[in-house]
């Protein structure tokens, strides 16, 4: 009964006229940036953060969430028709989806992707509604020591699941932690790494950093990429409405993909990308004819598309309940909550029930909007791909500059954005993933605060982190993760899986 009353409250919020408008805008923008290669949800959300200042907290988070999971839908359209994954998580969809399109089955592939995404998004949202409140209530028992240990585990897990070198991922975490503590120490009043700059007294602005790393750097990386313009499948798209035979064939892959994505989406650094690759591997192993994969297997579209949408939805669970981002987009969502004066964590459910349940209910509404939006507008999305990226790039840069300037009418933030844009470009060339850097930058100050509180409560006794059972378990899990990824056999398997 409590769940029903909470969902009633949530739908009352999500179905209000203005929230419906913002949900639609978010889904439309998400689909658009998913379709357009070279621009992801992280960059778009970073650009739009300053424009959400004047919005109601529920409306702003509903719109930003729609951008995130809407991008998963849009990315599959270009992956299937143009063989250009608009989103990283749609890379797997392109393998068999584009082959089906070339064989004249584009409609079947597109409808499978849309229906699988809708089913997975609906089920994953139900998972959030069922399990997020329980996790939030359990987290209310956490003290400063438990929160510190939880954040240590989150950072360690993000290193273990990061693509490429473990050493590079660890370096990015440490670099992010260092940038995160720039500014005036609230306890001692001492300046830390401000180099005499008054503008750095309040720290490095997270929005300016995100715009640089995921907006400007993306533009700089993609502007010379000739692969962003290819020929589309010119055949007429038909068969957008599946028959019972197709539905029976894709039912198993969709259900398995939904289950895989619902679990892996919660992991730091996992989310949609890891879920889609894992689902593809599972479907290939279970197939009676594995050789069909890569040549146009509909299961290779149904499973990964369901998995990446389920993973995108359930990545909200640690953000809403623990205040921990599982990926860079969730880190930006936490930034949006802080900007709105809301402290992320388990208290959100009790202090902001309208926001908490309104956001969950809006995911059902948004998933329905996305099914209605995607299939009829396929022709428009494909025409957009004819716009050369060199014309889109200046517009993205201008929007980034305007957005970052409006944060506090300071030109200094534009220089910060430019500096981190150049840094992000260099990091990409060095094959260093920027996501661990941003996670370290956001979690660093929070870790420091909880560590100080724990030490103050224990009168300076560092054993408080191992004396408390929950904190000890979390730290042991972090140590176990470090040990596992340093074992050669495990590390080789990890590298092989991430490369595949």
Protein backbone atom coordinates (compact mmCIF):
# COMPACT_ATOMS: atom_id res chain seq x y z
CA UNK A 1 0.00 0.00 0.00
CA UNK A 2 2.85 2.38 0.81
CA UNK A 3 4.35 1.82 -2.65
CA UNK A 4 1.00 2.59 -4.32
CA UNK A 5 0.57 5.81 -2.35
CA UNK A 6 4.13 6.84 -3.20
CA UNK A 7 3.61 6.12 -6.90
CA UNK A 8 0.32 8.07 -6.79
CA UNK A 9 2.27 11.02 -5.41
CA UNK A 10 4.92 10.52 -8.09
CA UNK A 11 2.47 10.37 -11.00
CA UNK A 12 0.69 13.43 -9.62
CA UNK A 13 4.01 15.28 -9.95
CA UNK A 14 5.13 13.74 -13.26
CA UNK A 15 1.76 14.31 -14.97
CA UNK A 16 1.50 17.99 -14.06
CA UNK A 17 1.38 20.06 -17.27
CA UNK A 18 4.80 21.74 -16.96
CA UNK A 19 6.58 18.56 -15.88
CA UNK A 20 5.08 16.76 -18.89
CA UNK A 21 6.46 19.52 -21.12
CA UNK A 22 9.94 19.25 -19.59
CA UNK A 23 9.83 15.45 -19.80
CA UNK A 24 8.95 15.72 -23.50
CA UNK A 25 11.72 18.28 -24.10
CA UNK A 26 14.23 16.02 -22.34
CA UNK A 27 13.20 12.94 -24.32
CA UNK A 28 13.26 14.86 -27.61
CA UNK A 29 16.69 16.36 -26.88
CA UNK A 30 17.96 12.97 -25.71
CA UNK A 31 16.83 11.28 -28.90
CA UNK A 32 18.36 14.09 -30.98
CA UNK A 33 21.78 13.92 -29.31
CA UNK A 34 21.63 10.13 -29.44
CA UNK A 35 21.07 10.35 -33.20
CA UNK A 36 23.80 12.93 -33.82
CA UNK A 37 27.24 11.31 -33.51
CA UNK A 38 29.92 13.20 -31.63
CA UNK A 39 27.65 14.61 -28.91
CA UNK A 40 26.62 12.57 -25.88
CA UNK A 41 24.24 13.04 -22.93
CA UNK A 42 27.08 14.08 -20.59
CA UNK A 43 28.05 17.04 -22.79
CA UNK A 44 24.41 18.03 -23.34
CA UNK A 45 23.52 17.88 -19.64
CA UNK A 46 26.67 19.87 -18.82
CA UNK A 47 25.60 22.55 -21.32
CA UNK A 48 22.05 22.71 -19.93
CA UNK A 49 22.92 22.76 -16.22
CA UNK A 50 23.08 26.58 -15.99
CA UNK A 51 19.70 26.87 -17.72
CA UNK A 52 18.04 24.72 -15.03
CA UNK A 53 18.78 27.22 -12.22
CA UNK A 54 15.41 28.92 -12.62
CA UNK A 55 13.43 25.67 -12.93
CA UNK A 56 11.68 23.77 -10.18
CA UNK A 57 14.00 20.97 -8.91
CA UNK A 58 11.56 18.26 -10.05
CA UNK A 59 11.21 19.77 -13.53
CA UNK A 60 14.97 20.18 -14.00
CA UNK A 61 15.80 16.60 -12.94
CA UNK A 62 12.94 15.16 -15.00
CA UNK A 63 14.24 16.95 -18.11
CA UNK A 64 17.90 15.98 -17.51
CA UNK A 65 16.89 12.36 -16.89
CA UNK A 66 14.91 12.31 -20.12
CA UNK A 67 18.04 13.43 -21.98
CA UNK A 68 20.04 10.56 -20.48
CA UNK A 69 17.75 7.63 -21.22
CA UNK A 70 16.44 9.23 -24.40
CA UNK A 71 19.97 9.15 -25.82
CA UNK A 72 19.95 5.35 -25.51
CA UNK A 73 16.92 5.22 -27.84
CA UNK A 74 18.32 7.67 -30.40
CA UNK A 75 21.71 6.00 -30.58
CA UNK A 76 20.21 2.79 -31.94
CA UNK A 77 18.60 4.54 -34.94
CA UNK A 78 21.87 5.68 -36.48
CA UNK A 79 23.61 2.47 -35.44
CA UNK A 80 21.12 0.44 -37.47
CA UNK A 81 20.60 2.70 -40.49
CA UNK A 82 23.99 4.38 -40.89
CA UNK A 83 26.34 2.10 -38.95
CA UNK A 84 27.31 5.12 -36.81
CA UNK A 85 26.54 4.50 -33.11
CA UNK A 86 25.23 7.83 -31.82
CA UNK A 87 25.97 6.55 -28.31
CA UNK A 88 28.82 4.33 -27.09
CA UNK A 89 26.30 1.82 -25.73
CA UNK A 90 24.86 1.43 -29.26
CA UNK A 91 28.13 0.10 -30.68
CA UNK A 92 26.92 -3.48 -30.21
CA UNK A 93 23.58 -2.73 -31.85
CA UNK A 94 25.39 -1.63 -35.01
CA UNK A 95 27.03 -5.05 -35.46
CA UNK A 96 23.86 -6.94 -36.40
CA UNK A 97 21.43 -4.03 -36.74
CA UNK A 98 23.19 -2.52 -39.75
CA UNK A 99 23.53 -5.92 -41.39
CA UNK A 100 19.75 -6.38 -41.07
CA UNK A 101 19.22 -2.92 -42.58
CA UNK A 102 21.41 -3.76 -45.58
CA UNK A 103 19.38 -6.94 -46.06
CA UNK A 104 16.16 -4.88 -46.23
CA UNK A 105 15.04 -5.55 -42.63
CA UNK A 106 15.68 -2.08 -41.19
CA UNK A 107 12.08 -1.78 -39.98
CA UNK A 108 12.30 -5.06 -38.08
CA UNK A 109 15.57 -4.00 -36.42
CA UNK A 110 14.24 -0.54 -35.50
CA UNK A 111 10.97 -1.87 -34.05
CA UNK A 112 12.87 -4.52 -32.08
CA UNK A 113 15.18 -1.87 -30.65
CA UNK A 114 12.27 0.42 -29.74
CA UNK A 115 10.10 -2.29 -28.14
CA UNK A 116 13.04 -3.86 -26.31
CA UNK A 117 14.07 -0.46 -24.99
CA UNK A 118 10.52 0.30 -23.84
CA UNK A 119 10.10 -3.03 -22.05
CA UNK A 120 13.52 -2.78 -20.39
CA UNK A 121 12.98 0.82 -19.33
CA UNK A 122 9.58 -0.01 -17.86
CA UNK A 123 10.86 -3.02 -15.89
CA UNK A 124 14.01 -1.22 -14.72
CA UNK A 125 11.90 1.69 -13.44
CA UNK A 126 9.81 -0.82 -11.48
CA UNK A 127 13.07 -2.17 -10.02
CA UNK A 128 13.96 1.37 -8.92
CA UNK A 129 10.52 1.87 -7.35
CA UNK A 130 10.78 -1.45 -5.44
CA UNK A 131 14.40 -1.45 -4.28
CA UNK A 132 15.51 2.18 -4.10
CA UNK A 133 13.36 2.98 -1.02
CA UNK A 134 14.69 -0.08 0.83
CA UNK A 135 18.27 0.88 0.04
CA UNK A 136 17.61 4.48 1.08
CA UNK A 137 16.14 3.37 4.42
CA UNK A 138 19.17 1.15 5.03
CA UNK A 139 21.49 4.00 4.09
CA UNK A 140 19.85 6.21 6.72
CA UNK A 141 21.64 4.03 9.27
CA UNK A 142 25.00 4.98 7.76
CA UNK A 143 27.31 7.25 9.71
CA UNK A 144 30.29 9.27 8.46
CA UNK A 145 32.60 6.23 8.61
CA UNK A 146 30.24 4.11 6.47
CA UNK A 147 29.85 6.89 3.90
CA UNK A 148 33.60 7.34 3.65
CA UNK A 149 34.12 3.60 3.12
CA UNK A 150 31.27 3.47 0.59
CA UNK A 151 32.87 6.24 -1.47
CA UNK A 152 36.24 4.49 -1.33
CA UNK A 153 34.55 1.36 -2.67
CA UNK A 154 32.83 3.38 -5.40
CA UNK A 155 36.11 4.91 -6.59
CA UNK A 156 37.93 1.56 -6.49
CA UNK A 157 35.13 -0.08 -8.49
CA UNK A 158 35.25 2.71 -11.07
CA UNK A 159 38.98 2.06 -11.50
CA UNK A 160 38.45 -1.69 -11.84
CA UNK A 161 35.72 -1.23 -14.49
CA UNK A 162 37.40 1.62 -16.38
CA UNK A 163 38.50 0.98 -19.95
CA UNK A 164 42.20 0.64 -20.66
CA UNK A 165 45.09 0.78 -18.23
CA UNK A 166 44.40 0.39 -14.51
CA UNK A 167 47.30 2.72 -13.75
CA UNK A 168 45.85 5.44 -15.98
CA UNK A 169 42.42 5.08 -14.36
CA UNK A 170 43.98 5.31 -10.90
CA UNK A 171 45.94 8.41 -11.97
CA UNK A 172 42.71 10.00 -13.17
CA UNK A 173 41.03 9.31 -9.81
CA UNK A 174 43.94 10.87 -7.88
CA UNK A 175 44.03 13.87 -10.23
CA UNK A 176 40.28 14.35 -9.73
CA UNK A 177 40.67 14.18 -5.94
CA UNK A 178 43.38 16.86 -6.08
CA UNK A 179 41.30 19.21 -8.23
CA UNK A 180 38.30 18.60 -5.96
CA UNK A 181 40.05 20.02 -2.86
CA UNK A 182 41.09 23.30 -4.52
CA UNK A 183 39.69 26.30 -2.63
CA UNK A 184 39.27 27.51 0.93
CA UNK A 185 39.18 24.78 3.58
CA UNK A 186 35.92 25.33 5.47
CA UNK A 187 37.39 23.98 8.71
CA UNK A 188 40.70 25.81 8.92
CA UNK A 189 40.07 28.70 6.52
CA UNK A 190 43.36 27.97 4.76
CA UNK A 191 43.73 28.34 0.99
CA UNK A 192 44.53 25.12 -0.84
CA UNK A 193 46.13 25.25 -4.28
CA UNK A 194 44.47 28.55 -5.21
CA UNK A 195 47.82 30.13 -6.22
CA UNK A 196 46.57 33.49 -4.98
CA UNK A 197 43.56 33.47 -7.32
CA UNK A 198 40.37 34.87 -5.79
CA UNK A 199 38.29 33.04 -8.42
CA UNK A 200 39.56 29.68 -7.15
CA UNK A 201 38.59 30.40 -3.53
CA UNK A 202 35.28 28.59 -3.99
CA UNK A 203 36.95 25.72 -5.85
CA UNK A 204 36.98 24.72 -9.50
CA UNK A 205 33.47 24.88 -10.93
CA UNK A 206 32.23 21.37 -11.73
CA UNK A 207 30.00 22.57 -14.59
CA UNK A 208 32.88 24.38 -16.32
CA UNK A 209 35.05 21.29 -15.94
CA UNK A 210 32.33 18.98 -17.30
CA UNK A 211 31.68 21.26 -20.27
CA UNK A 212 35.39 21.28 -21.07
CA UNK A 213 35.99 17.55 -20.65
CA UNK A 214 32.82 16.32 -22.34
CA UNK A 215 31.79 19.24 -24.57
CA UNK A 216 34.82 21.01 -26.01
CA UNK A 217 37.04 17.91 -25.91
CA UNK A 218 34.36 15.94 -27.77
CA UNK A 219 34.18 18.61 -30.46
CA UNK A 220 37.97 18.76 -30.79
CA UNK A 221 38.17 14.98 -31.07
CA UNK A 222 35.36 14.60 -33.60
CA UNK A 223 35.80 17.64 -35.84
CA UNK A 224 38.41 15.90 -37.97
CA UNK A 225 36.76 12.49 -37.88
CA UNK A 226 35.64 11.70 -41.43
CA UNK A 227 33.76 8.59 -40.22
CA UNK A 228 31.01 10.87 -38.90
CA UNK A 229 29.53 11.17 -42.39
CA UNK A 230 28.51 8.01 -44.21
CA UNK A 231 25.86 6.88 -46.61
CA UNK A 232 22.57 5.81 -45.13
CA UNK A 233 20.59 2.76 -46.11
CA UNK A 234 18.52 4.09 -48.98
CA UNK A 235 15.89 1.37 -49.16
CA UNK A 236 12.39 2.21 -48.02
CA UNK A 237 11.87 1.35 -44.35
CA UNK A 238 8.95 -0.99 -43.81
CA UNK A 239 7.86 -3.55 -41.26
CA UNK A 240 7.93 -1.17 -38.30
CA UNK A 241 5.11 -3.10 -36.62
CA UNK A 242 6.33 -6.57 -35.56
CA UNK A 243 4.23 -9.71 -35.94
CA UNK A 244 3.75 -12.44 -33.32
CA UNK A 245 6.52 -14.59 -34.79
CA UNK A 246 9.09 -11.83 -34.27
CA UNK A 247 7.77 -11.04 -30.79
CA UNK A 248 8.18 -14.67 -29.73
CA UNK A 249 11.72 -14.73 -31.15
CA UNK A 250 12.89 -11.61 -29.32
CA UNK A 251 11.06 -12.24 -26.02
CA UNK A 252 13.91 -14.28 -24.49
CA UNK A 253 16.76 -11.90 -25.47
CA UNK A 254 14.74 -8.88 -24.29
CA UNK A 255 14.03 -10.44 -20.88
CA UNK A 256 17.65 -11.58 -20.42
CA UNK A 257 18.99 -8.21 -21.55
CA UNK A 258 16.66 -6.44 -19.13
CA UNK A 259 17.88 -8.62 -16.23
CA UNK A 260 21.56 -8.10 -17.12
CA UNK A 261 21.16 -4.34 -17.51
CA UNK A 262 19.17 -3.99 -14.28
CA UNK A 263 22.03 -5.55 -12.31
CA UNK A 264 25.07 -4.10 -14.10
CA UNK A 265 23.59 -0.61 -14.29
CA UNK A 266 24.10 -0.18 -10.56
CA UNK A 267 27.86 -0.79 -10.75
CA UNK A 268 30.18 2.25 -10.89
CA UNK A 269 31.45 2.67 -14.42
CA UNK A 270 29.12 -0.08 -15.66
CA UNK A 271 25.75 1.24 -16.73
CA UNK A 272 24.52 1.02 -20.29
CA UNK A 273 27.84 0.35 -22.02
CA UNK A 274 28.92 -2.68 -19.98
CA UNK A 275 25.37 -4.05 -19.98
CA UNK A 276 25.05 -4.04 -23.78
CA UNK A 277 28.37 -5.85 -24.30
CA UNK A 278 27.54 -8.43 -21.61
CA UNK A 279 24.10 -9.08 -23.14
CA UNK A 280 25.57 -9.59 -26.62
CA UNK A 281 28.09 -12.11 -25.24
CA UNK A 282 25.31 -14.01 -23.43
CA UNK A 283 23.06 -14.15 -26.50
CA UNK A 284 25.92 -15.38 -28.68
CA UNK A 285 26.73 -18.17 -26.22
CA UNK A 286 23.08 -19.24 -25.92
CA UNK A 287 22.42 -19.16 -29.67
CA UNK A 288 22.02 -22.42 -31.57
CA UNK A 289 23.81 -20.76 -34.50
CA UNK A 290 26.49 -18.37 -33.14
CA UNK A 291 27.86 -17.86 -36.66
CA UNK A 292 24.74 -15.84 -37.46
CA UNK A 293 25.90 -13.11 -35.08
CA UNK A 294 27.60 -10.34 -37.02
CA UNK A 295 25.59 -11.25 -40.12
CA UNK A 296 22.17 -10.00 -39.05
CA UNK A 297 20.93 -11.84 -35.94
CA UNK A 298 17.88 -10.08 -34.50
CA UNK A 299 18.87 -11.40 -31.04
CA UNK A 300 22.02 -9.28 -31.36
CA UNK A 301 19.78 -6.22 -31.48
CA UNK A 302 17.07 -7.21 -28.97
CA UNK A 303 19.37 -8.22 -26.09
CA UNK A 304 21.88 -5.33 -26.11
CA UNK A 305 19.23 -2.65 -26.71
CA UNK A 306 17.20 -3.93 -23.75
CA UNK A 307 20.33 -4.17 -21.61
CA UNK A 308 21.62 -0.68 -22.30
CA UNK A 309 18.25 0.92 -21.52
CA UNK A 310 17.79 -1.11 -18.33
CA UNK A 311 21.36 -0.22 -17.33
CA UNK A 312 20.72 3.47 -17.97
CA UNK A 313 17.61 3.41 -15.75
CA UNK A 314 19.03 1.46 -12.79
CA UNK A 315 22.15 3.67 -12.68
CA UNK A 316 19.80 6.13 -10.94
CA UNK A 317 19.56 3.84 -7.90
CA UNK A 318 22.93 4.64 -6.24
CA UNK A 319 22.55 8.31 -7.19
CA UNK A 320 19.08 8.67 -5.65
CA UNK A 321 19.62 6.51 -2.57
CA UNK A 322 23.29 6.94 -1.63
CA UNK A 323 24.30 10.14 -3.40
CA UNK A 324 26.92 8.15 -5.32
CA UNK A 325 27.27 8.58 -9.11
CA UNK A 326 27.72 5.35 -11.06
CA UNK A 327 28.75 7.21 -14.22
CA UNK A 328 29.59 10.70 -15.40
CA UNK A 329 25.98 11.58 -16.27
CA UNK A 330 24.85 10.66 -12.76
CA UNK A 331 27.72 12.80 -11.43
CA UNK A 332 26.29 15.75 -13.35
CA UNK A 333 22.81 14.93 -12.00
CA UNK A 334 24.24 15.16 -8.49
CA UNK A 335 25.71 18.52 -9.51
CA UNK A 336 22.23 19.62 -10.60
CA UNK A 337 20.79 18.60 -7.22
CA UNK A 338 23.50 20.51 -5.34
CA UNK A 339 22.88 23.58 -7.51
CA UNK A 340 19.19 23.36 -6.54
CA UNK A 341 20.15 23.27 -2.85
CA UNK A 342 19.35 19.56 -2.39
CA UNK A 343 21.82 17.36 -0.54
CA UNK A 344 22.12 14.06 -2.49
CA UNK A 345 21.71 10.92 -0.43
CA UNK A 346 19.13 8.82 1.40
CA UNK A 347 17.49 11.86 2.98
CA UNK A 348 16.13 12.90 -0.43
CA UNK A 349 13.39 10.26 -0.17
CA UNK A 350 12.13 11.65 3.14
CA UNK A 351 12.89 15.36 2.72
CA UNK A 352 11.91 15.60 -0.97
CA UNK A 353 9.35 12.81 -1.58
CA UNK A 354 7.70 14.76 -4.40
CA UNK A 355 11.04 15.02 -6.21
CA UNK A 356 12.05 11.40 -5.50
CA UNK A 357 8.82 9.73 -6.61
CA UNK A 358 8.08 12.29 -9.32
CA UNK A 359 11.40 11.47 -10.99
CA UNK A 360 10.69 7.72 -10.83
CA UNK A 361 7.16 8.11 -12.23
CA UNK A 362 8.46 10.39 -15.01
CA UNK A 363 10.63 7.52 -16.29
CA UNK A 364 7.52 5.50 -17.17
CA UNK A 365 6.02 8.55 -18.86
CA UNK A 366 9.29 9.27 -20.68
CA UNK A 367 9.69 5.71 -21.96
CA UNK A 368 6.17 5.83 -23.43
CA UNK A 369 6.96 9.19 -25.06
CA UNK A 370 10.15 7.76 -26.56
CA UNK A 371 8.36 4.85 -28.26
CA UNK A 372 5.85 7.30 -29.76
CA UNK A 373 8.63 9.70 -30.77
CA UNK A 374 11.19 7.36 -32.25
CA UNK A 375 9.47 5.30 -34.92
CA UNK A 376 7.42 8.07 -36.65
CA UNK A 377 10.35 10.52 -36.67
CA UNK A 378 12.96 8.20 -38.17
CA UNK A 379 12.90 10.09 -41.48
CA UNK A 380 13.63 13.40 -39.74
CA UNK A 381 16.49 11.92 -37.70
CA UNK A 382 18.13 10.53 -40.83
CA UNK A 383 17.89 13.90 -42.61
CA UNK A 384 19.69 15.51 -39.68
CA UNK A 385 22.64 13.24 -40.34
CA UNK A 386 23.22 15.01 -43.64
CA UNK A 387 24.33 18.13 -41.70
CA UNK A 388 28.15 18.13 -41.74
CA UNK A 389 29.66 17.97 -38.27
CA UNK A 390 31.87 20.97 -39.03
CA UNK A 391 28.69 23.10 -38.99
CA UNK A 392 27.40 21.62 -35.73
CA UNK A 393 30.69 22.06 -33.87
CA UNK A 394 30.67 25.91 -33.67
CA UNK A 395 27.09 25.85 -32.33
CA UNK A 396 28.10 23.40 -29.58
CA UNK A 397 31.06 25.61 -28.59
CA UNK A 398 28.87 28.74 -28.46
CA UNK A 399 26.25 27.01 -26.29
CA UNK A 400 28.99 25.77 -23.95
CA UNK A 401 30.46 29.27 -23.62
CA UNK A 402 27.07 30.91 -23.00
CA UNK A 403 26.10 28.26 -20.47
CA UNK A 404 29.30 28.44 -18.49
CA UNK A 405 29.28 32.24 -18.44
CA UNK A 406 25.75 32.37 -17.03
CA UNK A 407 26.82 30.32 -13.98
CA UNK A 408 27.96 33.48 -12.17
CA UNK A 409 28.60 35.99 -14.99
CA UNK A 410 32.32 35.25 -14.74
CA UNK A 411 34.62 35.09 -17.74
CA UNK A 412 37.05 33.07 -15.58
CA UNK A 413 34.82 29.99 -15.98
CA UNK A 414 35.20 30.24 -19.76
CA UNK A 415 38.98 29.97 -19.34
CA UNK A 416 38.49 27.01 -16.98
CA UNK A 417 36.27 25.33 -19.59
CA UNK A 418 38.84 25.99 -22.33
CA UNK A 419 41.68 24.63 -20.19
CA UNK A 420 39.81 21.44 -19.35
CA UNK A 421 38.68 21.12 -22.96
CA UNK A 422 42.34 21.05 -24.03
CA UNK A 423 43.10 18.65 -21.16
CA UNK A 424 40.22 16.38 -22.18
CA UNK A 425 41.49 16.28 -25.76
CA UNK A 426 44.99 15.34 -24.54
CA UNK A 427 43.55 12.66 -22.23
CA UNK A 428 41.67 11.10 -25.14
CA UNK A 429 44.83 11.04 -27.24
CA UNK A 430 46.67 9.39 -24.33
CA UNK A 431 43.77 6.90 -23.97
CA UNK A 432 43.04 8.10 -20.44
CA UNK A 433 39.34 7.88 -19.58
CA UNK A 434 38.07 11.24 -18.17
CA UNK A 435 35.14 9.71 -16.28
CA UNK A 436 37.20 8.55 -13.22
CA UNK A 437 38.62 12.09 -13.04
CA UNK A 438 35.16 13.65 -12.75
CA UNK A 439 34.00 11.03 -10.23
CA UNK A 440 37.10 11.73 -8.11
CA UNK A 441 36.52 15.47 -8.31
CA UNK A 442 32.90 15.19 -7.12
CA UNK A 443 33.42 12.51 -4.47
CA UNK A 444 36.70 13.95 -3.14
CA UNK A 445 35.23 16.81 -1.06
CA UNK A 446 32.43 14.54 0.19
CA UNK A 447 34.96 11.85 1.21
CA UNK A 448 37.06 14.42 3.05
CA UNK A 449 34.03 15.77 4.91
CA UNK A 450 32.85 12.33 6.04
CA UNK A 451 36.38 11.30 7.03
CA UNK A 452 36.77 14.39 9.19
CA UNK A 453 33.40 13.86 10.84
CA UNK A 454 34.20 10.22 11.58
CA UNK A 455 37.55 11.15 13.12
CA UNK A 456 35.99 13.94 15.19
CA UNK A 457 33.31 11.59 16.55
CA UNK A 458 35.98 8.98 17.42
CA UNK A 459 38.31 11.62 18.95
CA UNK A 460 40.89 11.09 16.24
CA UNK A 461 40.92 7.27 16.35
CA UNK A 462 41.42 5.98 12.77
CA UNK A 463 40.29 2.51 13.87
CA UNK A 464 36.71 3.78 13.74
CA UNK A 465 36.67 2.84 10.05
CA UNK A 466 37.29 -0.84 10.84
CA UNK A 467 35.54 -1.02 14.21
CA UNK A 468 32.14 -0.39 12.63
CA UNK A 469 30.93 -3.59 10.87
CA UNK A 470 29.36 -2.01 7.77
CA UNK A 471 32.38 0.24 7.20
CA UNK A 472 34.72 -2.73 7.60
CA UNK A 473 32.75 -4.81 5.06
CA UNK A 474 32.83 -1.98 2.51
CA UNK A 475 36.58 -1.49 2.95
CA UNK A 476 37.17 -5.25 2.63
CA UNK A 477 35.18 -5.25 -0.62
CA UNK A 478 37.36 -2.41 -1.90
CA UNK A 479 40.54 -4.28 -0.96
CA UNK A 480 39.18 -7.45 -2.58
CA UNK A 481 38.48 -5.56 -5.81
CA UNK A 482 42.03 -4.17 -5.85
CA UNK A 483 43.55 -7.61 -5.22
CA UNK A 484 41.41 -9.28 -7.88
CA UNK A 485 42.30 -6.83 -10.66
CA UNK A 486 46.02 -7.13 -9.85
CA UNK A 487 45.97 -10.92 -10.32
CA UNK A 488 47.37 -11.49 -13.86
CA UNK A 489 44.70 -13.99 -14.92
CA UNK A 490 41.85 -11.72 -13.77
CA UNK A 491 43.49 -8.63 -15.26
CA UNK A 492 43.91 -10.35 -18.61
CA UNK A 493 40.27 -11.45 -18.63
CA UNK A 494 39.22 -7.88 -17.73
CA UNK A 495 41.30 -6.38 -20.53
CA UNK A 496 40.00 -8.96 -23.01
CA UNK A 497 36.38 -8.29 -22.06
CA UNK A 498 36.77 -4.51 -22.29
CA UNK A 499 38.54 -4.72 -25.63
CA UNK A 500 35.81 -6.95 -27.05
